[in-house]
Amino acid sequence: MNEKPIIESGVAKILSLAEETKYAANGIVSRTLLRTANTRTVLFGFAEGQELTEHTSTQHAFIQILSGECEFSIAGDPQNLKAGDFLYLPPNLPHAVRATTQFSMLLTLAKPAVAEKCEALSTETKTKN
């Protein structure tokens, strides 16, 4: 994916995710919103019935369902997700997704060292309070 991101790293920008989401009849449209050295944020629009077959990622995946409904299979265990749901997938966990209705999702991928550093900071902040 060498698509030019919609947001330039280092420049503040507000986007309407609903307006930026694109759909294709019988297809999946992905648009890279932001890419940094350690993260990538991608907006997906799935037509009903479309799917991504089982795969893994070496990165932490943070997924927010924005609209519609889908079925996420996580290590072979199907889970129904709908608008407003949030899913976290650790690195190397097999997963697949199928659109049960037209749906959109926001995916943020973070390299493991970055995500672990954020987790350590969060834990440190909680223990100080």
C-alpha atoms as a PDB file:
ATOM      1  CA  MET A   1       0.000   0.000   0.000  1.00  0.00           C
ATOM      2  CA  ASN A   2       1.889   3.032  -1.217  1.00  0.00           C
ATOM      3  CA  GLU A   3      -1.197   5.204  -1.477  1.00  0.00           C
ATOM      4  CA  LYS A   4      -0.624   8.840  -0.492  1.00  0.00           C
ATOM      5  CA  PRO A   5      -2.282   9.398   2.894  1.00  0.00           C
ATOM      6  CA  ILE A   6      -5.163  11.876   3.124  1.00  0.00           C
ATOM      7  CA  ILE A   7      -3.595  13.467   6.222  1.00  0.00           C
ATOM      8  CA  GLU A   8      -0.032  14.716   6.025  1.00  0.00           C
ATOM      9  CA  SER A   9       1.949  13.632   9.080  1.00  0.00           C
ATOM     10  CA  GLY A  10       2.771  16.611  11.282  1.00  0.00           C
ATOM     11  CA  VAL A  11      -0.184  18.709  10.081  1.00  0.00           C
ATOM     12  CA  ALA A  12      -3.422  18.926  12.098  1.00  0.00           C
ATOM     13  CA  LYS A  13      -6.545  18.090  10.095  1.00  0.00           C
ATOM     14  CA  ILE A  14     -10.186  17.309  10.818  1.00  0.00           C
ATOM     15  CA  LEU A  15     -11.984  14.776   8.615  1.00  0.00           C
ATOM     16  CA  SER A  16     -15.554  13.546   8.398  1.00  0.00           C
ATOM     17  CA  LEU A  17     -15.147   9.776   8.351  1.00  0.00           C
ATOM     18  CA  ALA A  18     -18.668   9.378   6.944  1.00  0.00           C
ATOM     19  CA  GLU A  19     -17.804  11.663   4.018  1.00  0.00           C
ATOM     20  CA  GLU A  20     -14.394  10.060   3.440  1.00  0.00           C
ATOM     21  CA  THR A  21     -15.752   6.491   3.392  1.00  0.00           C
ATOM     22  CA  LYS A  22     -16.105   5.149  -0.148  1.00  0.00           C
ATOM     23  CA  TYR A  23     -17.926   2.010  -1.270  1.00  0.00           C
ATOM     24  CA  ALA A  24     -17.736  -0.030  -4.468  1.00  0.00           C
ATOM     25  CA  ALA A  25     -20.461  -2.379  -5.672  1.00  0.00           C
ATOM     26  CA  ASN A  26     -19.309  -5.897  -4.814  1.00  0.00           C
ATOM     27  CA  GLY A  27     -15.989  -4.630  -3.470  1.00  0.00           C
ATOM     28  CA  ILE A  28     -13.885  -3.263  -0.647  1.00  0.00           C
ATOM     29  CA  VAL A  29     -12.424   0.241  -0.719  1.00  0.00           C
ATOM     30  CA  SER A  30      -9.506   1.118   1.564  1.00  0.00           C
ATOM     31  CA  ARG A  31      -8.094   4.605   1.988  1.00  0.00           C
ATOM     32  CA  THR A  32      -4.981   5.396   4.027  1.00  0.00           C
ATOM     33  CA  LEU A  33      -5.770   8.355   6.256  1.00  0.00           C
ATOM     34  CA  LEU A  34      -2.428   8.690   8.028  1.00  0.00           C
ATOM     35  CA  ARG A  35       0.963   7.001   7.923  1.00  0.00           C
ATOM     36  CA  THR A  36       3.800   7.637  10.367  1.00  0.00           C
ATOM     37  CA  ALA A  37       7.015   5.746  11.018  1.00  0.00           C
ATOM     38  CA  ASN A  38       5.243   3.530  13.567  1.00  0.00           C
ATOM     39  CA  THR A  39       1.516   3.587  12.736  1.00  0.00           C
ATOM     40  CA  ARG A  40      -0.938   3.507   9.875  1.00  0.00           C
ATOM     41  CA  THR A  41      -4.645   4.378   9.950  1.00  0.00           C
ATOM     42  CA  VAL A  42      -6.871   3.033   7.162  1.00  0.00           C
ATOM     43  CA  LEU A  43     -10.566   3.659   6.467  1.00  0.00           C
ATOM     44  CA  PHE A  44     -12.451   0.724   4.899  1.00  0.00           C
ATOM     45  CA  GLY A  45     -15.809   0.546   3.126  1.00  0.00           C
ATOM     46  CA  PHE A  46     -17.153  -2.990   2.513  1.00  0.00           C
ATOM     47  CA  ALA A  47     -20.083  -3.869   0.264  1.00  0.00           C
ATOM     48  CA  GLU A  48     -22.447  -6.432   1.772  1.00  0.00           C
ATOM     49  CA  GLY A  49     -21.079  -9.965   1.422  1.00  0.00           C
ATOM     50  CA  GLN A  50     -17.464  -8.906   0.845  1.00  0.00           C
ATOM     51  CA  GLU A  51     -14.760 -10.478   2.964  1.00  0.00           C
ATOM     52  CA  LEU A  52     -11.096 -10.610   3.783  1.00  0.00           C
ATOM     53  CA  THR A  53     -10.016 -14.220   4.234  1.00  0.00           C
ATOM     54  CA  GLU A  54      -8.081 -15.336   7.281  1.00  0.00           C
ATOM     55  CA  HIS A  55      -4.742 -13.592   7.678  1.00  0.00           C
ATOM     56  CA  THR A  56      -2.410 -12.271  10.390  1.00  0.00           C
ATOM     57  CA  SER A  57      -0.545  -9.046  11.021  1.00  0.00           C
ATOM     58  CA  THR A  58       2.772  -8.507  12.775  1.00  0.00           C
ATOM     59  CA  GLN A  59       1.335  -5.312  14.270  1.00  0.00           C
ATOM     60  CA  HIS A  60      -1.228  -4.445  16.934  1.00  0.00           C
ATOM     61  CA  ALA A  61      -4.595  -3.786  15.241  1.00  0.00           C
ATOM     62  CA  PHE A  62      -7.204  -1.413  16.668  1.00  0.00           C
ATOM     63  CA  ILE A  63     -10.537  -1.621  14.817  1.00  0.00           C
ATOM     64  CA  GLN A  64     -13.560   0.626  15.251  1.00  0.00           C
ATOM     65  CA  ILE A  65     -16.776  -0.295  13.441  1.00  0.00           C
ATOM     66  CA  LEU A  66     -18.208   2.983  12.132  1.00  0.00           C
ATOM     67  CA  SER A  67     -21.367   1.837  10.352  1.00  0.00           C
ATOM     68  CA  GLY A  68     -23.233  -1.346   9.462  1.00  0.00           C
ATOM     69  CA  GLU A  69     -22.464  -4.857  10.679  1.00  0.00           C
ATOM     70  CA  CYS A  70     -19.847  -7.535  10.103  1.00  0.00           C
ATOM     71  CA  GLU A  71     -18.601 -10.858  11.350  1.00  0.00           C
ATOM     72  CA  PHE A  72     -15.023 -10.995  12.602  1.00  0.00           C
ATOM     73  CA  SER A  73     -13.576 -14.450  12.943  1.00  0.00           C
ATOM     74  CA  ILE A  74     -10.874 -14.291  15.613  1.00  0.00           C
ATOM     75  CA  ALA A  75      -8.715 -17.424  15.697  1.00  0.00           C
ATOM     76  CA  GLY A  76     -11.676 -19.290  14.180  1.00  0.00           C
ATOM     77  CA  ASP A  77     -14.262 -17.893  16.635  1.00  0.00           C
ATOM     78  CA  PRO A  78     -16.892 -15.784  14.805  1.00  0.00           C
ATOM     79  CA  GLN A  79     -18.029 -12.568  16.512  1.00  0.00           C
ATOM     80  CA  ASN A  80     -20.796 -10.255  15.253  1.00  0.00           C
ATOM     81  CA  LEU A  81     -19.813  -6.590  15.415  1.00  0.00           C
ATOM     82  CA  LYS A  82     -21.885  -3.468  14.750  1.00  0.00           C
ATOM     83  CA  ALA A  83     -21.436   0.297  14.574  1.00  0.00           C
ATOM     84  CA  GLY A  84     -19.851   1.577  17.772  1.00  0.00           C
ATOM     85  CA  ASP A  85     -17.969  -1.648  18.564  1.00  0.00           C
ATOM     86  CA  PHE A  86     -14.209  -1.630  19.086  1.00  0.00           C
ATOM     87  CA  LEU A  87     -11.898  -4.596  18.567  1.00  0.00           C
ATOM     88  CA  TYR A  88      -8.266  -5.040  19.522  1.00  0.00           C
ATOM     89  CA  LEU A  89      -6.168  -7.778  17.884  1.00  0.00           C
ATOM     90  CA  PRO A  90      -2.656  -8.520  19.147  1.00  0.00           C
ATOM     91  CA  PRO A  91       0.085  -9.317  16.625  1.00  0.00           C
ATOM     92  CA  ASN A  92       0.038 -12.687  14.826  1.00  0.00           C
ATOM     93  CA  LEU A  93      -3.560 -13.595  15.756  1.00  0.00           C
ATOM     94  CA  PRO A  94      -5.385 -15.178  12.789  1.00  0.00           C
ATOM     95  CA  HIS A  95      -8.525 -13.269  11.833  1.00  0.00           C
ATOM     96  CA  ALA A  96     -10.971 -12.746   8.973  1.00  0.00           C
ATOM     97  CA  VAL A  97     -13.857 -10.347   8.322  1.00  0.00           C
ATOM     98  CA  ARG A  98     -17.099 -10.609   6.347  1.00  0.00           C
ATOM     99  CA  ALA A  99     -19.620  -7.827   5.752  1.00  0.00           C
ATOM    100  CA  THR A 100     -23.084  -8.987   6.834  1.00  0.00           C
ATOM    101  CA  THR A 101     -24.401  -5.569   5.700  1.00  0.00           C
ATOM    102  CA  GLN A 102     -22.594  -2.714   3.995  1.00  0.00           C
ATOM    103  CA  PHE A 103     -20.195  -1.535   6.683  1.00  0.00           C
ATOM    104  CA  SER A 104     -17.245   0.723   7.356  1.00  0.00           C
ATOM    105  CA  MET A 105     -14.384   0.436   9.808  1.00  0.00           C
ATOM    106  CA  LEU A 106     -11.350   2.352  10.908  1.00  0.00           C
ATOM    107  CA  LEU A 107      -8.176   0.279  11.306  1.00  0.00           C
ATOM    108  CA  THR A 108      -5.096   1.556  13.110  1.00  0.00           C
ATOM    109  CA  LEU A 109      -1.958  -0.561  13.001  1.00  0.00           C
ATOM    110  CA  ALA A 110       0.863   0.065  15.486  1.00  0.00           C
ATOM    111  CA  LYS A 111       4.260  -1.554  15.533  1.00  0.00           C
ATOM    112  CA  PRO A 112       4.647  -3.684  18.685  1.00  0.00           C
ATOM    113  CA  ALA A 113       7.348  -1.586  20.383  1.00  0.00           C
ATOM    114  CA  VAL A 114       5.210   1.570  20.029  1.00  0.00           C
ATOM    115  CA  ALA A 115       2.042  -0.049  21.383  1.00  0.00           C
ATOM    116  CA  GLU A 116       3.922  -1.582  24.317  1.00  0.00           C
ATOM    117  CA  LYS A 117       5.476   1.786  25.172  1.00  0.00           C
ATOM    118  CA  CYS A 118       1.974   3.371  25.184  1.00  0.00           C
ATOM    119  CA  GLU A 119       0.683   0.559  27.420  1.00  0.00           C
ATOM    120  CA  ALA A 120       3.564   1.077  29.873  1.00  0.00           C
ATOM    121  CA  LEU A 121       2.876   4.830  30.015  1.00  0.00           C
ATOM    122  CA  SER A 122      -0.829   4.190  30.608  1.00  0.00           C
ATOM    123  CA  THR A 123      -0.071   1.748  33.440  1.00  0.00           C
ATOM    124  CA  GLU A 124       2.451   4.176  34.950  1.00  0.00           C
ATOM    125  CA  THR A 125      -0.107   7.008  34.881  1.00  0.00           C
ATOM    126  CA  LYS A 126      -2.776   4.831  36.567  1.00  0.00           C
ATOM    127  CA  THR A 127      -0.414   3.838  39.382  1.00  0.00           C
ATOM    128  CA  LYS A 128       0.533   7.476  40.051  1.00  0.00           C
ATOM    129  CA  ASN A 129      -3.127   8.547  40.410  1.00  0.00           C
END
